[in-house]
Amino acid sequence: MIRNYIKTAYRSLLKNKGFTFLNVLGLSVGLATCLLIVFYVVDELGYDKYNTKADRIYRLGVDAKLNGNAGIYATSEVNWKNI
């Protein structure tokens, strides 16, 4: 039974080569994009996980104004009170 389905699908793919190429191309581009997004998200979520005291790392934001030029800076610091 499954053999007949595979034969039918194969014949259909050979009959419509342009449509088949377009479908396979779209599927491959979609899967590649999805994998790249997943890899990026996993990398961003594990940014400071290498540190043994990662739960004590905080991001500090500083709004500074020097000579009329405003700037926003960010830094990471260890909470030294709990060490």
Protein backbone atom coordinates (compact mmCIF):
# COMPACT_ATOMS: atom_id res chain seq x y z
CA MET A 1 0.00 0.00 0.00
CA ILE A 2 2.69 2.47 1.00
CA ARG A 3 4.66 1.46 -2.07
CA ASN A 4 1.83 2.68 -4.31
CA TYR A 5 1.74 6.03 -2.50
CA ILE A 6 5.48 6.47 -2.98
CA LYS A 7 5.21 5.59 -6.69
CA THR A 8 2.38 8.05 -7.19
CA ALA A 9 4.23 10.83 -5.39
CA TYR A 10 7.41 10.15 -7.36
CA ARG A 11 5.58 10.25 -10.69
CA SER A 12 3.84 13.46 -9.72
CA LEU A 13 7.14 15.05 -8.74
CA LEU A 14 8.73 14.09 -12.07
CA LYS A 15 5.73 15.38 -13.99
CA ASN A 16 5.79 18.84 -12.35
CA LYS A 17 9.52 19.61 -12.07
CA GLY A 18 9.18 23.38 -11.73
CA PHE A 19 6.55 23.13 -9.02
CA THR A 20 8.61 20.48 -7.23
CA PHE A 21 11.73 22.66 -7.33
CA LEU A 22 9.80 25.62 -5.97
CA ASN A 23 8.33 23.58 -3.11
CA VAL A 24 11.66 22.02 -2.13
CA LEU A 25 13.39 25.40 -2.30
CA GLY A 26 10.74 27.01 -0.09
CA LEU A 27 10.90 24.17 2.40
CA SER A 28 14.70 24.31 2.63
CA VAL A 29 14.77 28.10 3.04
CA GLY A 30 12.08 27.92 5.73
CA LEU A 31 13.88 25.20 7.68
CA ALA A 32 17.23 27.00 7.43
CA THR A 33 15.66 30.24 8.67
CA CYS A 34 13.94 28.46 11.54
CA LEU A 35 17.19 26.77 12.60
CA LEU A 36 19.11 30.05 12.48
CA ILE A 37 16.50 31.74 14.68
CA VAL A 38 16.54 28.86 17.17
CA PHE A 39 20.36 28.88 17.33
CA TYR A 40 20.37 32.64 17.89
CA VAL A 41 17.79 32.44 20.69
CA VAL A 42 19.62 29.59 22.43
CA ASP A 43 22.88 31.54 22.22
CA GLU A 44 21.30 34.69 23.66
CA LEU A 45 19.61 32.83 26.52
CA GLY A 46 22.87 31.18 27.54
CA TYR A 47 24.98 34.35 27.44
CA ASP A 48 26.36 34.36 31.01
CA LYS A 49 25.69 30.73 31.91
CA TYR A 50 29.40 29.82 31.81
CA ASN A 51 29.94 31.73 35.05
CA THR A 52 29.58 29.66 38.23
CA LYS A 53 27.77 32.58 39.92
CA ALA A 54 25.58 33.52 36.96
CA ASP A 55 22.57 34.09 39.20
CA ARG A 56 24.41 37.05 40.78
CA ILE A 57 25.11 38.95 37.57
CA TYR A 58 22.99 42.02 36.99
CA ARG A 59 22.82 44.50 34.16
CA LEU A 60 23.14 48.12 35.21
CA GLY A 61 21.89 50.90 33.02
CA VAL A 62 23.44 54.34 33.24
CA ASP A 63 21.90 57.46 31.74
CA ALA A 64 24.70 60.00 31.39
CA LYS A 65 24.60 63.55 30.12
CA LEU A 66 27.96 65.16 29.34
CA ASN A 67 28.20 68.56 27.68
CA GLY A 68 24.60 68.33 26.49
CA ASN A 69 25.12 64.93 24.84
CA ALA A 70 22.98 62.22 26.35
CA GLY A 71 24.11 58.62 26.34
CA ILE A 72 22.75 55.36 27.64
CA TYR A 73 25.28 52.76 28.72
CA ALA A 74 24.88 49.24 30.04
CA THR A 75 27.27 47.11 32.06
CA SER A 76 27.28 43.86 33.98
CA GLU A 77 28.46 43.62 37.55
CA VAL A 78 28.67 40.93 40.18
CA ASN A 79 26.65 41.50 43.33
CA TRP A 80 29.60 41.65 45.75
CA LYS A 81 27.41 41.79 48.89
CA ASN A 82 26.49 38.10 48.67
CA ILE A 83 29.95 36.67 47.97
